[in-house]
Amino acid sequence: MLRATLPVLRAQRSGHILQGSSVYGQSAHPGVGLLAATKYAVEGLSDALAAEIAPLGIKVTIIQPGMTATPFRAGQLAAPTEAVDR
């Protein structure tokens, strides 16, 4: 999607890109490693992209919705409560 939209935004020298991520783009715990890896990647790409296109008047915003209670994997939505050193 970025390949399709960036040429237009560059040409008009303005715009705003919204990137979808999640709370797992900032932290992870057992059982969500693959999901967290993809969200970390989205956040890294977005951070670098924001710095690259800021001089063109284009902004980047990362949206990180929190957890949502659904019947899928019910009871497993609690985030870890202890801090983890990385």
N, C-alpha and C. Protein backbone atom coordinates (compact mmCIF):
# COMPACT_ATOMS: atom_id res chain seq x y z
N MET A 1 0.82 -1.17 0.00
CA MET A 1 0.00 0.00 0.00
C MET A 1 0.88 1.25 0.00
N LEU A 2 1.98 1.20 0.75
CA LEU A 2 2.89 2.36 0.78
C LEU A 2 3.47 2.64 -0.60
N ARG A 3 3.81 1.59 -1.35
CA ARG A 3 4.35 1.77 -2.70
C ARG A 3 3.36 2.49 -3.61
N ALA A 4 2.09 2.23 -3.40
CA ALA A 4 1.06 2.86 -4.24
C ALA A 4 0.77 4.30 -3.81
N THR A 5 0.82 4.57 -2.52
CA THR A 5 0.40 5.89 -2.04
C THR A 5 1.53 6.91 -1.91
N LEU A 6 2.73 6.45 -1.60
CA LEU A 6 3.83 7.40 -1.38
C LEU A 6 4.13 8.29 -2.58
N PRO A 7 4.10 7.78 -3.81
CA PRO A 7 4.34 8.70 -4.94
C PRO A 7 3.33 9.85 -5.00
N VAL A 8 2.09 9.57 -4.68
CA VAL A 8 1.05 10.61 -4.70
C VAL A 8 1.31 11.62 -3.58
N LEU A 9 1.60 11.12 -2.38
CA LEU A 9 1.85 12.01 -1.25
C LEU A 9 3.11 12.85 -1.48
N ARG A 10 4.13 12.24 -2.06
CA ARG A 10 5.36 13.00 -2.36
C ARG A 10 5.07 14.11 -3.38
N ALA A 11 4.28 13.79 -4.39
CA ALA A 11 3.97 14.78 -5.43
C ALA A 11 3.19 15.96 -4.86
N GLN A 12 2.28 15.70 -3.94
CA GLN A 12 1.49 16.81 -3.37
C GLN A 12 2.18 17.43 -2.16
N ARG A 13 3.31 16.82 -1.72
CA ARG A 13 4.10 17.32 -0.60
C ARG A 13 3.27 17.53 0.68
N SER A 14 2.37 16.58 0.89
CA SER A 14 1.58 16.57 2.13
C SER A 14 0.84 15.24 2.22
N GLY A 15 0.37 14.96 3.41
CA GLY A 15 -0.41 13.75 3.62
C GLY A 15 -0.19 13.18 5.00
N HIS A 16 -0.90 12.10 5.26
CA HIS A 16 -0.83 11.47 6.57
C HIS A 16 -1.04 9.97 6.38
N ILE A 17 -0.10 9.18 6.86
CA ILE A 17 -0.18 7.73 6.77
C ILE A 17 -0.53 7.19 8.14
N LEU A 18 -1.55 6.32 8.20
CA LEU A 18 -1.94 5.65 9.43
C LEU A 18 -1.52 4.19 9.33
N GLN A 19 -0.73 3.74 10.29
CA GLN A 19 -0.27 2.36 10.33
C GLN A 19 -0.93 1.65 11.50
N GLY A 20 -1.48 0.47 11.26
CA GLY A 20 -2.10 -0.32 12.31
C GLY A 20 -1.09 -1.23 12.99
N SER A 21 -1.06 -1.19 14.30
CA SER A 21 -0.18 -2.05 15.08
C SER A 21 -0.99 -2.58 16.25
N SER A 22 -0.36 -2.83 17.37
CA SER A 22 -1.07 -3.25 18.57
C SER A 22 -0.16 -3.03 19.77
N VAL A 23 -0.66 -3.31 20.94
CA VAL A 23 0.16 -3.19 22.13
C VAL A 23 1.37 -4.10 22.05
N TYR A 24 1.29 -5.15 21.23
CA TYR A 24 2.41 -6.07 21.07
C TYR A 24 3.54 -5.48 20.25
N GLY A 25 3.37 -4.30 19.71
CA GLY A 25 4.47 -3.60 19.05
C GLY A 25 5.43 -2.98 20.05
N GLN A 26 5.05 -2.97 21.32
CA GLN A 26 5.88 -2.40 22.39
C GLN A 26 6.36 -3.44 23.38
N SER A 27 5.63 -4.52 23.55
CA SER A 27 6.03 -5.55 24.50
C SER A 27 5.44 -6.88 24.04
N ALA A 28 6.01 -7.95 24.55
CA ALA A 28 5.53 -9.28 24.19
C ALA A 28 5.60 -10.19 25.41
N HIS A 29 4.89 -11.27 25.34
CA HIS A 29 4.96 -12.28 26.38
C HIS A 29 4.78 -13.65 25.72
N PRO A 30 5.03 -14.73 26.44
CA PRO A 30 4.94 -16.06 25.85
C PRO A 30 3.60 -16.29 25.15
N GLY A 31 3.68 -16.90 23.99
CA GLY A 31 2.47 -17.22 23.24
C GLY A 31 2.13 -16.25 22.14
N VAL A 32 2.78 -15.09 22.12
CA VAL A 32 2.47 -14.09 21.09
C VAL A 32 3.73 -13.63 20.36
N GLY A 33 4.77 -14.46 20.37
CA GLY A 33 6.04 -14.06 19.77
C GLY A 33 5.95 -13.70 18.30
N LEU A 34 5.27 -14.53 17.51
CA LEU A 34 5.16 -14.24 16.08
C LEU A 34 4.35 -12.97 15.83
N LEU A 35 3.25 -12.82 16.54
CA LEU A 35 2.45 -11.60 16.42
C LEU A 35 3.27 -10.39 16.82
N ALA A 36 3.98 -10.47 17.94
CA ALA A 36 4.79 -9.35 18.40
C ALA A 36 5.89 -9.02 17.40
N ALA A 37 6.49 -10.04 16.79
CA ALA A 37 7.54 -9.80 15.81
C ALA A 37 7.02 -8.99 14.62
N THR A 38 5.83 -9.31 14.16
CA THR A 38 5.28 -8.56 13.03
C THR A 38 4.93 -7.13 13.44
N LYS A 39 4.45 -6.96 14.66
CA LYS A 39 4.09 -5.61 15.11
C LYS A 39 5.34 -4.77 15.37
N TYR A 40 6.40 -5.38 15.91
CA TYR A 40 7.67 -4.67 16.07
C TYR A 40 8.17 -4.21 14.70
N ALA A 41 8.02 -5.05 13.69
CA ALA A 41 8.46 -4.70 12.34
C ALA A 41 7.67 -3.51 11.79
N VAL A 42 6.36 -3.52 11.97
CA VAL A 42 5.52 -2.41 11.52
C VAL A 42 5.95 -1.12 12.21
N GLU A 43 6.23 -1.20 13.50
CA GLU A 43 6.62 0.00 14.24
C GLU A 43 7.99 0.52 13.81
N GLY A 44 8.94 -0.39 13.57
CA GLY A 44 10.26 0.03 13.10
C GLY A 44 10.19 0.67 11.73
N LEU A 45 9.44 0.06 10.82
CA LEU A 45 9.25 0.63 9.50
C LEU A 45 8.61 2.01 9.60
N SER A 46 7.60 2.12 10.43
CA SER A 46 6.89 3.40 10.57
C SER A 46 7.77 4.49 11.16
N ASP A 47 8.58 4.14 12.16
CA ASP A 47 9.49 5.13 12.76
C ASP A 47 10.49 5.65 11.73
N ALA A 48 11.10 4.73 10.97
CA ALA A 48 12.07 5.13 9.96
C ALA A 48 11.40 5.94 8.85
N LEU A 49 10.24 5.48 8.41
CA LEU A 49 9.51 6.17 7.35
C LEU A 49 9.14 7.59 7.77
N ALA A 50 8.70 7.75 9.00
CA ALA A 50 8.31 9.08 9.49
C ALA A 50 9.47 10.06 9.39
N ALA A 51 10.67 9.61 9.75
CA ALA A 51 11.84 10.49 9.68
C ALA A 51 12.22 10.80 8.23
N GLU A 52 12.04 9.83 7.35
CA GLU A 52 12.42 10.01 5.95
C GLU A 52 11.48 10.96 5.20
N ILE A 53 10.19 10.92 5.53
CA ILE A 53 9.24 11.71 4.74
C ILE A 53 8.77 12.98 5.43
N ALA A 54 9.19 13.20 6.66
CA ALA A 54 8.81 14.43 7.37
C ALA A 54 9.19 15.70 6.59
N PRO A 55 10.39 15.76 5.96
CA PRO A 55 10.72 16.97 5.20
C PRO A 55 9.77 17.24 4.03
N LEU A 56 9.01 16.23 3.63
CA LEU A 56 8.06 16.41 2.52
C LEU A 56 6.68 16.82 3.02
N GLY A 57 6.53 17.00 4.32
CA GLY A 57 5.23 17.40 4.86
C GLY A 57 4.28 16.24 5.06
N ILE A 58 4.80 15.02 5.06
CA ILE A 58 3.97 13.82 5.23
C ILE A 58 4.18 13.30 6.65
N LYS A 59 3.10 12.99 7.33
CA LYS A 59 3.17 12.51 8.71
C LYS A 59 2.82 11.02 8.76
N VAL A 60 3.30 10.36 9.79
CA VAL A 60 3.01 8.94 10.02
C VAL A 60 2.49 8.79 11.45
N THR A 61 1.37 8.11 11.60
CA THR A 61 0.82 7.83 12.92
C THR A 61 0.63 6.33 13.05
N ILE A 62 1.09 5.79 14.18
CA ILE A 62 0.90 4.38 14.48
C ILE A 62 -0.29 4.26 15.43
N ILE A 63 -1.24 3.43 15.08
CA ILE A 63 -2.42 3.21 15.92
C ILE A 63 -2.23 1.88 16.64
N GLN A 64 -2.28 1.93 17.98
CA GLN A 64 -2.07 0.74 18.80
C GLN A 64 -3.31 0.47 19.66
N PRO A 65 -4.32 -0.16 19.09
CA PRO A 65 -5.48 -0.48 19.93
C PRO A 65 -5.09 -1.50 21.00
N GLY A 66 -5.77 -1.44 22.12
CA GLY A 66 -5.51 -2.39 23.20
C GLY A 66 -6.24 -3.69 22.96
N MET A 67 -6.16 -4.56 23.94
CA MET A 67 -6.82 -5.85 23.82
C MET A 67 -8.33 -5.70 23.88
N THR A 68 -9.01 -6.58 23.17
CA THR A 68 -10.46 -6.58 23.12
C THR A 68 -10.96 -7.94 23.55
N ALA A 69 -11.89 -7.97 24.46
CA ALA A 69 -12.44 -9.23 24.94
C ALA A 69 -13.36 -9.82 23.87
N THR A 70 -13.03 -11.00 23.42
CA THR A 70 -13.86 -11.75 22.47
C THR A 70 -13.93 -13.20 22.97
N PRO A 71 -14.84 -14.00 22.44
CA PRO A 71 -14.89 -15.41 22.84
C PRO A 71 -13.64 -16.20 22.43
N PHE A 72 -12.92 -15.72 21.40
CA PHE A 72 -11.72 -16.41 20.94
C PHE A 72 -10.65 -16.35 22.02
N ARG A 73 -10.15 -17.48 22.43
CA ARG A 73 -9.12 -17.59 23.47
C ARG A 73 -9.54 -16.88 24.76
N ALA A 74 -10.77 -17.02 25.10
CA ALA A 74 -11.31 -16.39 26.32
C ALA A 74 -10.47 -16.78 27.53
N GLY A 75 -10.22 -15.82 28.39
CA GLY A 75 -9.45 -16.06 29.59
C GLY A 75 -7.96 -15.89 29.42
N GLN A 76 -7.49 -15.63 28.21
CA GLN A 76 -6.06 -15.48 27.95
C GLN A 76 -5.71 -14.04 27.59
N LEU A 77 -6.54 -13.08 27.91
CA LEU A 77 -6.31 -11.71 27.52
C LEU A 77 -5.50 -10.92 28.53
N ALA A 78 -5.24 -11.47 29.68
CA ALA A 78 -4.52 -10.70 30.70
C ALA A 78 -3.05 -10.53 30.29
N ALA A 79 -2.58 -9.31 30.33
CA ALA A 79 -1.18 -9.01 30.02
C ALA A 79 -0.33 -9.36 31.23
N PRO A 80 0.93 -9.68 31.02
CA PRO A 80 1.80 -9.98 32.18
C PRO A 80 1.92 -8.75 33.08
N THR A 81 2.05 -9.01 34.36
CA THR A 81 2.14 -7.90 35.31
C THR A 81 3.55 -7.61 35.77
N GLU A 82 4.51 -8.47 35.44
CA GLU A 82 5.88 -8.23 35.88
C GLU A 82 6.71 -7.61 34.76
N ALA A 83 7.66 -6.78 35.13
CA ALA A 83 8.54 -6.15 34.16
C ALA A 83 9.57 -7.16 33.66
N VAL A 84 9.96 -7.01 32.41
CA VAL A 84 10.94 -7.90 31.81
C VAL A 84 12.10 -7.06 31.29
N ASP A 85 13.32 -7.38 31.72
CA ASP A 85 14.50 -6.70 31.22
C ASP A 85 14.86 -7.27 29.87
N ARG A 86 15.17 -6.35 28.91
CA ARG A 86 15.60 -6.80 27.58
C ARG A 86 17.00 -6.40 27.35
